[in-house]
Amino acid sequence: MATQAYCVKCKAKRDMEDEKQITMKNGQRALSGICPVCGTKMFKIGGGRVKTAAAPKAKAGKTKTSKKTTPKAKVKGKTKSKTKKK
């Protein structure tokens, strides 16, 4: 059974030909195929995320977070301005 997807050129739902399951950059599954009427590439997102090899989880416990501080002289608006007195 062919999957239906929306063809943006025909502006109608059509059955995809040559459909392939692909994985997008963000990890979601999708189907890619061709419109049988006009030959435009069709695309249907669905199926959730694909599990990838994840890095091992860090141990639960106290973690140190360092706070970046900048010298006051370099912070915008905090520099001392030299004004002439009359």
PDB file of N, CA and C in Angstrom:
ATOM      1  N   MET A   1       0.842  -1.183   0.000  1.00  0.00           N
ATOM      2  CA  MET A   1       0.000   0.000   0.000  1.00  0.00           C
ATOM      3  C   MET A   1       0.885   1.244   0.000  1.00  0.00           C
ATOM      4  N   ALA A   2       0.618   2.159  -0.900  1.00  0.00           N
ATOM      5  CA  ALA A   2       1.407   3.377  -1.020  1.00  0.00           C
ATOM      6  C   ALA A   2       0.951   4.394   0.017  1.00  0.00           C
ATOM      7  N   THR A   3       1.893   5.152   0.493  1.00  0.00           N
ATOM      8  CA  THR A   3       1.606   6.181   1.478  1.00  0.00           C
ATOM      9  C   THR A   3       1.153   7.452   0.768  1.00  0.00           C
ATOM     10  N   GLN A   4       0.161   8.108   1.323  1.00  0.00           N
ATOM     11  CA  GLN A   4      -0.296   9.363   0.760  1.00  0.00           C
ATOM     12  C   GLN A   4       0.453  10.527   1.380  1.00  0.00           C
ATOM     13  N   ALA A   5       0.805  11.476   0.529  1.00  0.00           N
ATOM     14  CA  ALA A   5       1.470  12.694   0.979  1.00  0.00           C
ATOM     15  C   ALA A   5       0.960  13.845   0.123  1.00  0.00           C
ATOM     16  N   TYR A   6       1.184  15.061   0.582  1.00  0.00           N
ATOM     17  CA  TYR A   6       0.700  16.250  -0.133  1.00  0.00           C
ATOM     18  C   TYR A   6       1.738  16.673  -1.168  1.00  0.00           C
ATOM     19  N   CYS A   7       1.299  16.852  -2.404  1.00  0.00           N
ATOM     20  CA  CYS A   7       2.163  17.357  -3.473  1.00  0.00           C
ATOM     21  C   CYS A   7       1.955  18.865  -3.565  1.00  0.00           C
ATOM     22  N   VAL A   8       3.012  19.633  -3.395  1.00  0.00           N
ATOM     23  CA  VAL A   8       2.884  21.089  -3.392  1.00  0.00           C
ATOM     24  C   VAL A   8       2.685  21.646  -4.796  1.00  0.00           C
ATOM     25  N   LYS A   9       3.092  20.911  -5.802  1.00  0.00           N
ATOM     26  CA  LYS A   9       2.904  21.381  -7.176  1.00  0.00           C
ATOM     27  C   LYS A   9       1.476  21.122  -7.661  1.00  0.00           C
ATOM     28  N   CYS A  10       0.960  19.906  -7.385  1.00  0.00           N
ATOM     29  CA  CYS A  10      -0.419  19.553  -7.769  1.00  0.00           C
ATOM     30  C   CYS A  10      -1.447  20.131  -6.801  1.00  0.00           C
ATOM     31  N   LYS A  11      -1.019  20.457  -5.598  1.00  0.00           N
ATOM     32  CA  LYS A  11      -1.885  20.938  -4.517  1.00  0.00           C
ATOM     33  C   LYS A  11      -2.978  19.925  -4.183  1.00  0.00           C
ATOM     34  N   ALA A  12      -2.555  18.664  -4.069  1.00  0.00           N
ATOM     35  CA  ALA A  12      -3.489  17.578  -3.744  1.00  0.00           C
ATOM     36  C   ALA A  12      -2.725  16.443  -3.088  1.00  0.00           C
ATOM     37  N   LYS A  13      -3.453  15.583  -2.348  1.00  0.00           N
ATOM     38  CA  LYS A  13      -2.834  14.406  -1.760  1.00  0.00           C
ATOM     39  C   LYS A  13      -2.748  13.325  -2.820  1.00  0.00           C
ATOM     40  N   ARG A  14      -1.583  12.708  -2.922  1.00  0.00           N
ATOM     41  CA  ARG A  14      -1.340  11.662  -3.909  1.00  0.00           C
ATOM     42  C   ARG A  14      -0.606  10.501  -3.240  1.00  0.00           C
ATOM     43  N   ASP A  15      -0.681   9.326  -3.851  1.00  0.00           N
ATOM     44  CA  ASP A  15       0.099   8.175  -3.400  1.00  0.00           C
ATOM     45  C   ASP A  15       1.532   8.353  -3.893  1.00  0.00           C
ATOM     46  N   MET A  16       2.505   8.186  -2.985  1.00  0.00           N
ATOM     47  CA  MET A  16       3.907   8.349  -3.351  1.00  0.00           C
ATOM     48  C   MET A  16       4.405   7.127  -4.110  1.00  0.00           C
ATOM     49  N   GLU A  17       5.279   7.349  -5.082  1.00  0.00           N
ATOM     50  CA  GLU A  17       5.983   6.279  -5.770  1.00  0.00           C
ATOM     51  C   GLU A  17       7.425   6.280  -5.296  1.00  0.00           C
ATOM     52  N   ASP A  18       8.071   5.128  -5.332  1.00  0.00           N
ATOM     53  CA  ASP A  18       9.475   4.976  -4.933  1.00  0.00           C
ATOM     54  C   ASP A  18       9.738   5.558  -3.545  1.00  0.00           C
ATOM     55  N   GLU A  19       8.868   5.268  -2.607  1.00  0.00           N
ATOM     56  CA  GLU A  19       9.028   5.847  -1.274  1.00  0.00           C
ATOM     57  C   GLU A  19      10.169   5.166  -0.521  1.00  0.00           C
ATOM     58  N   LYS A  20      10.897   5.973   0.214  1.00  0.00           N
ATOM     59  CA  LYS A  20      12.039   5.519   1.013  1.00  0.00           C
ATOM     60  C   LYS A  20      11.921   6.124   2.398  1.00  0.00           C
ATOM     61  N   GLN A  21      12.293   5.342   3.407  1.00  0.00           N
ATOM     62  CA  GLN A  21      12.312   5.889   4.761  1.00  0.00           C
ATOM     63  C   GLN A  21      13.683   6.493   4.991  1.00  0.00           C
ATOM     64  N   ILE A  22      13.687   7.746   5.430  1.00  0.00           N
ATOM     65  CA  ILE A  22      14.935   8.462   5.689  1.00  0.00           C
ATOM     66  C   ILE A  22      14.926   8.997   7.106  1.00  0.00           C
ATOM     67  N   THR A  23      16.087   9.414   7.583  1.00  0.00           N
ATOM     68  CA  THR A  23      16.219  10.057   8.890  1.00  0.00           C
ATOM     69  C   THR A  23      16.748  11.463   8.661  1.00  0.00           C
ATOM     70  N   MET A  24      16.037  12.448   9.203  1.00  0.00           N
ATOM     71  CA  MET A  24      16.446  13.843   9.035  1.00  0.00           C
ATOM     72  C   MET A  24      17.601  14.176   9.988  1.00  0.00           C
ATOM     73  N   LYS A  25      18.187  15.344   9.824  1.00  0.00           N
ATOM     74  CA  LYS A  25      19.317  15.769  10.648  1.00  0.00           C
ATOM     75  C   LYS A  25      18.965  15.841  12.127  1.00  0.00           C
ATOM     76  N   ASN A  26      17.716  16.166  12.447  1.00  0.00           N
ATOM     77  CA  ASN A  26      17.323  16.285  13.849  1.00  0.00           C
ATOM     78  C   ASN A  26      16.929  14.942  14.457  1.00  0.00           C
ATOM     79  N   GLY A  27      17.031  13.848  13.697  1.00  0.00           N
ATOM     80  CA  GLY A  27      16.777  12.519  14.236  1.00  0.00           C
ATOM     81  C   GLY A  27      15.377  11.988  13.979  1.00  0.00           C
ATOM     82  N   GLN A  28      14.506  12.769  13.362  1.00  0.00           N
ATOM     83  CA  GLN A  28      13.149  12.305  13.092  1.00  0.00           C
ATOM     84  C   GLN A  28      13.113  11.485  11.812  1.00  0.00           C
ATOM     85  N   ARG A  29      12.201  10.513  11.787  1.00  0.00           N
ATOM     86  CA  ARG A  29      12.005   9.694  10.597  1.00  0.00           C
ATOM     87  C   ARG A  29      11.065  10.419   9.644  1.00  0.00           C
ATOM     88  N   ALA A  30      11.218  10.132   8.351  1.00  0.00           N
ATOM     89  CA  ALA A  30      10.344  10.710   7.336  1.00  0.00           C
ATOM     90  C   ALA A  30      10.309   9.776   6.135  1.00  0.00           C
ATOM     91  N   LEU A  31       9.311   9.965   5.282  1.00  0.00           N
ATOM     92  CA  LEU A  31       9.203   9.226   4.036  1.00  0.00           C
ATOM     93  C   LEU A  31       9.422  10.190   2.885  1.00  0.00           C
ATOM     94  N   SER A  32      10.189   9.766   1.897  1.00  0.00           N
ATOM     95  CA  SER A  32      10.468  10.576   0.732  1.00  0.00           C
ATOM     96  C   SER A  32      10.066   9.774  -0.493  1.00  0.00           C
ATOM     97  N   GLY A  33       9.413  10.427  -1.441  1.00  0.00           N
ATOM     98  CA  GLY A  33       8.980   9.739  -2.649  1.00  0.00           C
ATOM     99  C   GLY A  33       8.759  10.716  -3.784  1.00  0.00           C
ATOM    100  N   ILE A  34       8.122  10.214  -4.852  1.00  0.00           N
ATOM    101  CA  ILE A  34       7.888  11.019  -6.045  1.00  0.00           C
ATOM    102  C   ILE A  34       6.397  11.026  -6.358  1.00  0.00           C
ATOM    103  N   CYS A  35       5.882  12.176  -6.798  1.00  0.00           N
ATOM    104  CA  CYS A  35       4.479  12.310  -7.201  1.00  0.00           C
ATOM    105  C   CYS A  35       4.286  11.587  -8.540  1.00  0.00           C
ATOM    106  N   PRO A  36       3.285  10.705  -8.642  1.00  0.00           N
ATOM    107  CA  PRO A  36       3.084   9.964  -9.886  1.00  0.00           C
ATOM    108  C   PRO A  36       2.551  10.828 -11.032  1.00  0.00           C
ATOM    109  N   VAL A  37       1.969  11.992 -10.727  1.00  0.00           N
ATOM    110  CA  VAL A  37       1.373  12.839 -11.761  1.00  0.00           C
ATOM    111  C   VAL A  37       2.394  13.807 -12.348  1.00  0.00           C
ATOM    112  N   CYS A  38       3.073  14.560 -11.479  1.00  0.00           N
ATOM    113  CA  CYS A  38       3.959  15.614 -11.986  1.00  0.00           C
ATOM    114  C   CYS A  38       5.455  15.306 -11.815  1.00  0.00           C
ATOM    115  N   GLY A  39       5.803  14.315 -10.991  1.00  0.00           N
ATOM    116  CA  GLY A  39       7.204  13.940 -10.815  1.00  0.00           C
ATOM    117  C   GLY A  39       7.949  14.743  -9.764  1.00  0.00           C
ATOM    118  N   THR A  40       7.241  15.568  -9.002  1.00  0.00           N
ATOM    119  CA  THR A  40       7.856  16.372  -7.947  1.00  0.00           C
ATOM    120  C   THR A  40       8.184  15.504  -6.747  1.00  0.00           C
ATOM    121  N   LYS A  41       9.267  15.841  -6.061  1.00  0.00           N
ATOM    122  CA  LYS A  41       9.645  15.110  -4.860  1.00  0.00           C
ATOM    123  C   LYS A  41       8.643  15.408  -3.743  1.00  0.00           C
ATOM    124  N   MET A  42       8.168  14.331  -3.091  1.00  0.00           N
ATOM    125  CA  MET A  42       7.208  14.473  -1.997  1.00  0.00           C
ATOM    126  C   MET A  42       7.882  14.053  -0.705  1.00  0.00           C
ATOM    127  N   PHE A  43       7.357  14.562   0.405  1.00  0.00           N
ATOM    128  CA  PHE A  43       7.990  14.366   1.699  1.00  0.00           C
ATOM    129  C   PHE A  43       6.912  14.280   2.766  1.00  0.00           C
ATOM    130  N   LYS A  44       6.990  13.271   3.635  1.00  0.00           N
ATOM    131  CA  LYS A  44       6.037  13.146   4.725  1.00  0.00           C
ATOM    132  C   LYS A  44       6.794  12.843   6.017  1.00  0.00           C
ATOM    133  N   ILE A  45       6.648  13.734   6.995  1.00  0.00           N
ATOM    134  CA  ILE A  45       7.322  13.585   8.278  1.00  0.00           C
ATOM    135  C   ILE A  45       6.464  12.728   9.191  1.00  0.00           C
ATOM    136  N   GLY A  46       7.091  11.840   9.945  1.00  0.00           N
ATOM    137  CA  GLY A  46       6.352  11.028  10.904  1.00  0.00           C
ATOM    138  C   GLY A  46       7.184   9.879  11.413  1.00  0.00           C
ATOM    139  N   GLY A  47       6.763   9.315  12.536  1.00  0.00           N
ATOM    140  CA  GLY A  47       7.436   8.141  13.066  1.00  0.00           C
ATOM    141  C   GLY A  47       8.263   8.404  14.296  1.00  0.00           C
ATOM    142  N   GLY A  48       8.383   9.629  14.759  1.00  0.00           N
ATOM    143  CA  GLY A  48       9.140   9.918  15.973  1.00  0.00           C
ATOM    144  C   GLY A  48      10.630   9.942  15.725  1.00  0.00           C
ATOM    145  N   ARG A  49      11.377  10.031  16.796  1.00  0.00           N
ATOM    146  CA  ARG A  49      12.834  10.115  16.693  1.00  0.00           C
ATOM    147  C   ARG A  49      13.470   8.739  16.664  1.00  0.00           C
ATOM    148  N   VAL A  50      14.572   8.636  15.945  1.00  0.00           N
ATOM    149  CA  VAL A  50      15.352   7.411  15.888  1.00  0.00           C
ATOM    150  C   VAL A  50      16.383   7.474  16.995  1.00  0.00           C
ATOM    151  N   LYS A  51      16.519   6.385  17.746  1.00  0.00           N
ATOM    152  CA  LYS A  51      17.516   6.374  18.815  1.00  0.00           C
ATOM    153  C   LYS A  51      18.899   6.231  18.204  1.00  0.00           C
ATOM    154  N   THR A  52      19.802   7.106  18.625  1.00  0.00           N
ATOM    155  CA  THR A  52      21.175   7.069  18.147  1.00  0.00           C
ATOM    156  C   THR A  52      22.086   6.701  19.306  1.00  0.00           C
ATOM    157  N   ALA A  53      23.325   6.396  19.001  1.00  0.00           N
ATOM    158  CA  ALA A  53      24.282   6.063  20.039  1.00  0.00           C
ATOM    159  C   ALA A  53      24.561   7.312  20.860  1.00  0.00           C
ATOM    160  N   ALA A  54      24.022   7.352  22.058  1.00  0.00           N
ATOM    161  CA  ALA A  54      24.168   8.525  22.917  1.00  0.00           C
ATOM    162  C   ALA A  54      25.414   8.396  23.787  1.00  0.00           C
ATOM    163  N   ALA A  55      25.907   9.512  24.213  1.00  0.00           N
ATOM    164  CA  ALA A  55      27.054   9.528  25.110  1.00  0.00           C
ATOM    165  C   ALA A  55      26.613   9.013  26.477  1.00  0.00           C
ATOM    166  N   PRO A  56      27.519   8.376  27.227  1.00  0.00           N
ATOM    167  CA  PRO A  56      27.139   7.881  28.548  1.00  0.00           C
ATOM    168  C   PRO A  56      26.699   9.015  29.459  1.00  0.00           C
ATOM    169  N   LYS A  57      25.680   8.741  30.263  1.00  0.00           N
ATOM    170  CA  LYS A  57      25.137   9.766  31.156  1.00  0.00           C
ATOM    171  C   LYS A  57      26.107  10.039  32.300  1.00  0.00           C
ATOM    172  N   ALA A  58      26.138  11.288  32.727  1.00  0.00           N
ATOM    173  CA  ALA A  58      26.991  11.691  33.841  1.00  0.00           C
ATOM    174  C   ALA A  58      26.386  11.180  35.146  1.00  0.00           C
ATOM    175  N   LYS A  59      27.242  10.951  36.109  1.00  0.00           N
ATOM    176  CA  LYS A  59      26.772  10.485  37.404  1.00  0.00           C
ATOM    177  C   LYS A  59      25.990  11.592  38.100  1.00  0.00           C
ATOM    178  N   ALA A  60      24.938  11.180  38.780  1.00  0.00           N
ATOM    179  CA  ALA A  60      24.137  12.143  39.532  1.00  0.00           C
ATOM    180  C   ALA A  60      24.917  12.574  40.762  1.00  0.00           C
ATOM    181  N   GLY A  61      24.883  13.828  41.047  1.00  0.00           N
ATOM    182  CA  GLY A  61      25.605  14.343  42.205  1.00  0.00           C
ATOM    183  C   GLY A  61      25.861  15.822  42.022  1.00  0.00           C
ATOM    184  N   LYS A  62      26.744  16.327  42.845  1.00  0.00           N
ATOM    185  CA  LYS A  62      27.049  17.742  42.762  1.00  0.00           C
ATOM    186  C   LYS A  62      27.935  18.008  41.550  1.00  0.00           C
ATOM    187  N   THR A  63      27.583  19.004  40.825  1.00  0.00           N
ATOM    188  CA  THR A  63      28.400  19.415  39.694  1.00  0.00           C
ATOM    189  C   THR A  63      28.787  20.861  39.895  1.00  0.00           C
ATOM    190  N   LYS A  64      29.990  21.170  39.542  1.00  0.00           N
ATOM    191  CA  LYS A  64      30.480  22.533  39.684  1.00  0.00           C
ATOM    192  C   LYS A  64      30.178  23.285  38.403  1.00  0.00           C
ATOM    193  N   THR A  65      29.596  24.435  38.557  1.00  0.00           N
ATOM    194  CA  THR A  65      29.363  25.299  37.409  1.00  0.00           C
ATOM    195  C   THR A  65      30.194  26.544  37.607  1.00  0.00           C
ATOM    196  N   SER A  66      30.994  26.839  36.618  1.00  0.00           N
ATOM    197  CA  SER A  66      31.844  28.017  36.723  1.00  0.00           C
ATOM    198  C   SER A  66      31.096  29.216  36.146  1.00  0.00           C
ATOM    199  N   LYS A  67      31.258  30.316  36.796  1.00  0.00           N
ATOM    200  CA  LYS A  67      30.597  31.537  36.369  1.00  0.00           C
ATOM    201  C   LYS A  67      31.662  32.436  35.749  1.00  0.00           C
ATOM    202  N   LYS A  68      31.447  32.780  34.503  1.00  0.00           N
ATOM    203  CA  LYS A  68      32.415  33.642  33.840  1.00  0.00           C
ATOM    204  C   LYS A  68      32.222  35.068  34.313  1.00  0.00           C
ATOM    205  N   THR A  69      33.299  35.669  34.708  1.00  0.00           N
ATOM    206  CA  THR A  69      33.251  37.062  35.129  1.00  0.00           C
ATOM    207  C   THR A  69      34.158  37.872  34.218  1.00  0.00           C
ATOM    208  N   THR A  70      33.748  39.069  33.938  1.00  0.00           N
ATOM    209  CA  THR A  70      34.556  39.944  33.116  1.00  0.00           C
ATOM    210  C   THR A  70      35.001  41.127  33.966  1.00  0.00           C
ATOM    211  N   PRO A  71      36.188  41.619  33.699  1.00  0.00           N
ATOM    212  CA  PRO A  71      36.649  42.788  34.449  1.00  0.00           C
ATOM    213  C   PRO A  71      35.715  43.963  34.193  1.00  0.00           C
ATOM    214  N   LYS A  72      35.517  44.776  35.207  1.00  0.00           N
ATOM    215  CA  LYS A  72      34.579  45.898  35.100  1.00  0.00           C
ATOM    216  C   LYS A  72      34.994  46.881  34.024  1.00  0.00           C
ATOM    217  N   ALA A  73      36.269  47.001  33.766  1.00  0.00           N
ATOM    218  CA  ALA A  73      36.736  47.961  32.772  1.00  0.00           C
ATOM    219  C   ALA A  73      36.309  47.550  31.368  1.00  0.00           C
ATOM    220  N   LYS A  74      36.119  46.263  31.121  1.00  0.00           N
ATOM    221  CA  LYS A  74      35.774  45.789  29.789  1.00  0.00           C
ATOM    222  C   LYS A  74      34.269  45.676  29.558  1.00  0.00           C
ATOM    223  N   VAL A  75      33.471  45.769  30.589  1.00  0.00           N
ATOM    224  CA  VAL A  75      32.031  45.651  30.441  1.00  0.00           C
ATOM    225  C   VAL A  75      31.485  46.937  29.858  1.00  0.00           C
ATOM    226  N   LYS A  76      30.652  46.814  28.846  1.00  0.00           N
ATOM    227  CA  LYS A  76      30.121  47.989  28.162  1.00  0.00           C
ATOM    228  C   LYS A  76      29.243  48.801  29.113  1.00  0.00           C
ATOM    229  N   GLY A  77      29.487  50.089  29.165  1.00  0.00           N
ATOM    230  CA  GLY A  77      28.688  50.982  29.993  1.00  0.00           C
ATOM    231  C   GLY A  77      29.210  51.114  31.412  1.00  0.00           C
ATOM    232  N   LYS A  78      30.174  50.331  31.777  1.00  0.00           N
ATOM    233  CA  LYS A  78      30.700  50.368  33.138  1.00  0.00           C
ATOM    234  C   LYS A  78      32.055  51.074  33.215  1.00  0.00           C
ATOM    235  N   THR A  79      32.542  51.575  32.102  1.00  0.00           N
ATOM    236  CA  THR A  79      33.848  52.240  32.119  1.00  0.00           C
ATOM    237  C   THR A  79      33.705  53.663  32.643  1.00  0.00           C
ATOM    238  N   LYS A  80      34.746  54.122  33.246  1.00  0.00           N
ATOM    239  CA  LYS A  80      34.738  55.490  33.744  1.00  0.00           C
ATOM    240  C   LYS A  80      35.026  56.432  32.599  1.00  0.00           C
ATOM    241  N   SER A  81      34.196  57.428  32.438  1.00  0.00           N
ATOM    242  CA  SER A  81      34.411  58.375  31.365  1.00  0.00           C
ATOM    243  C   SER A  81      35.130  59.608  31.924  1.00  0.00           C
ATOM    244  N   LYS A  82      36.002  60.115  31.110  1.00  0.00           N
ATOM    245  CA  LYS A  82      36.757  61.295  31.505  1.00  0.00           C
ATOM    246  C   LYS A  82      36.006  62.523  30.996  1.00  0.00           C
ATOM    247  N   THR A  83      35.608  63.357  31.915  1.00  0.00           N
ATOM    248  CA  THR A  83      34.916  64.589  31.545  1.00  0.00           C
ATOM    249  C   THR A  83      35.738  65.778  32.019  1.00  0.00           C
ATOM    250  N   LYS A  84      35.677  66.827  31.237  1.00  0.00           N
ATOM    251  CA  LYS A  84      36.410  68.041  31.610  1.00  0.00           C
ATOM    252  C   LYS A  84      35.538  68.903  32.498  1.00  0.00           C
ATOM    253  N   LYS A  85      36.146  69.419  33.556  1.00  0.00           N
ATOM    254  CA  LYS A  85      35.438  70.331  34.443  1.00  0.00           C
ATOM    255  C   LYS A  85      35.699  71.747  33.994  1.00  0.00           C
ATOM    256  N   LYS A  86      34.696  72.599  34.084  1.00  0.00           N
ATOM    257  CA  LYS A  86      34.831  73.997  33.696  1.00  0.00           C
ATOM    258  C   LYS A  86      35.068  74.861  34.885  1.00  0.00           C
TER     259      LYS A  86
END
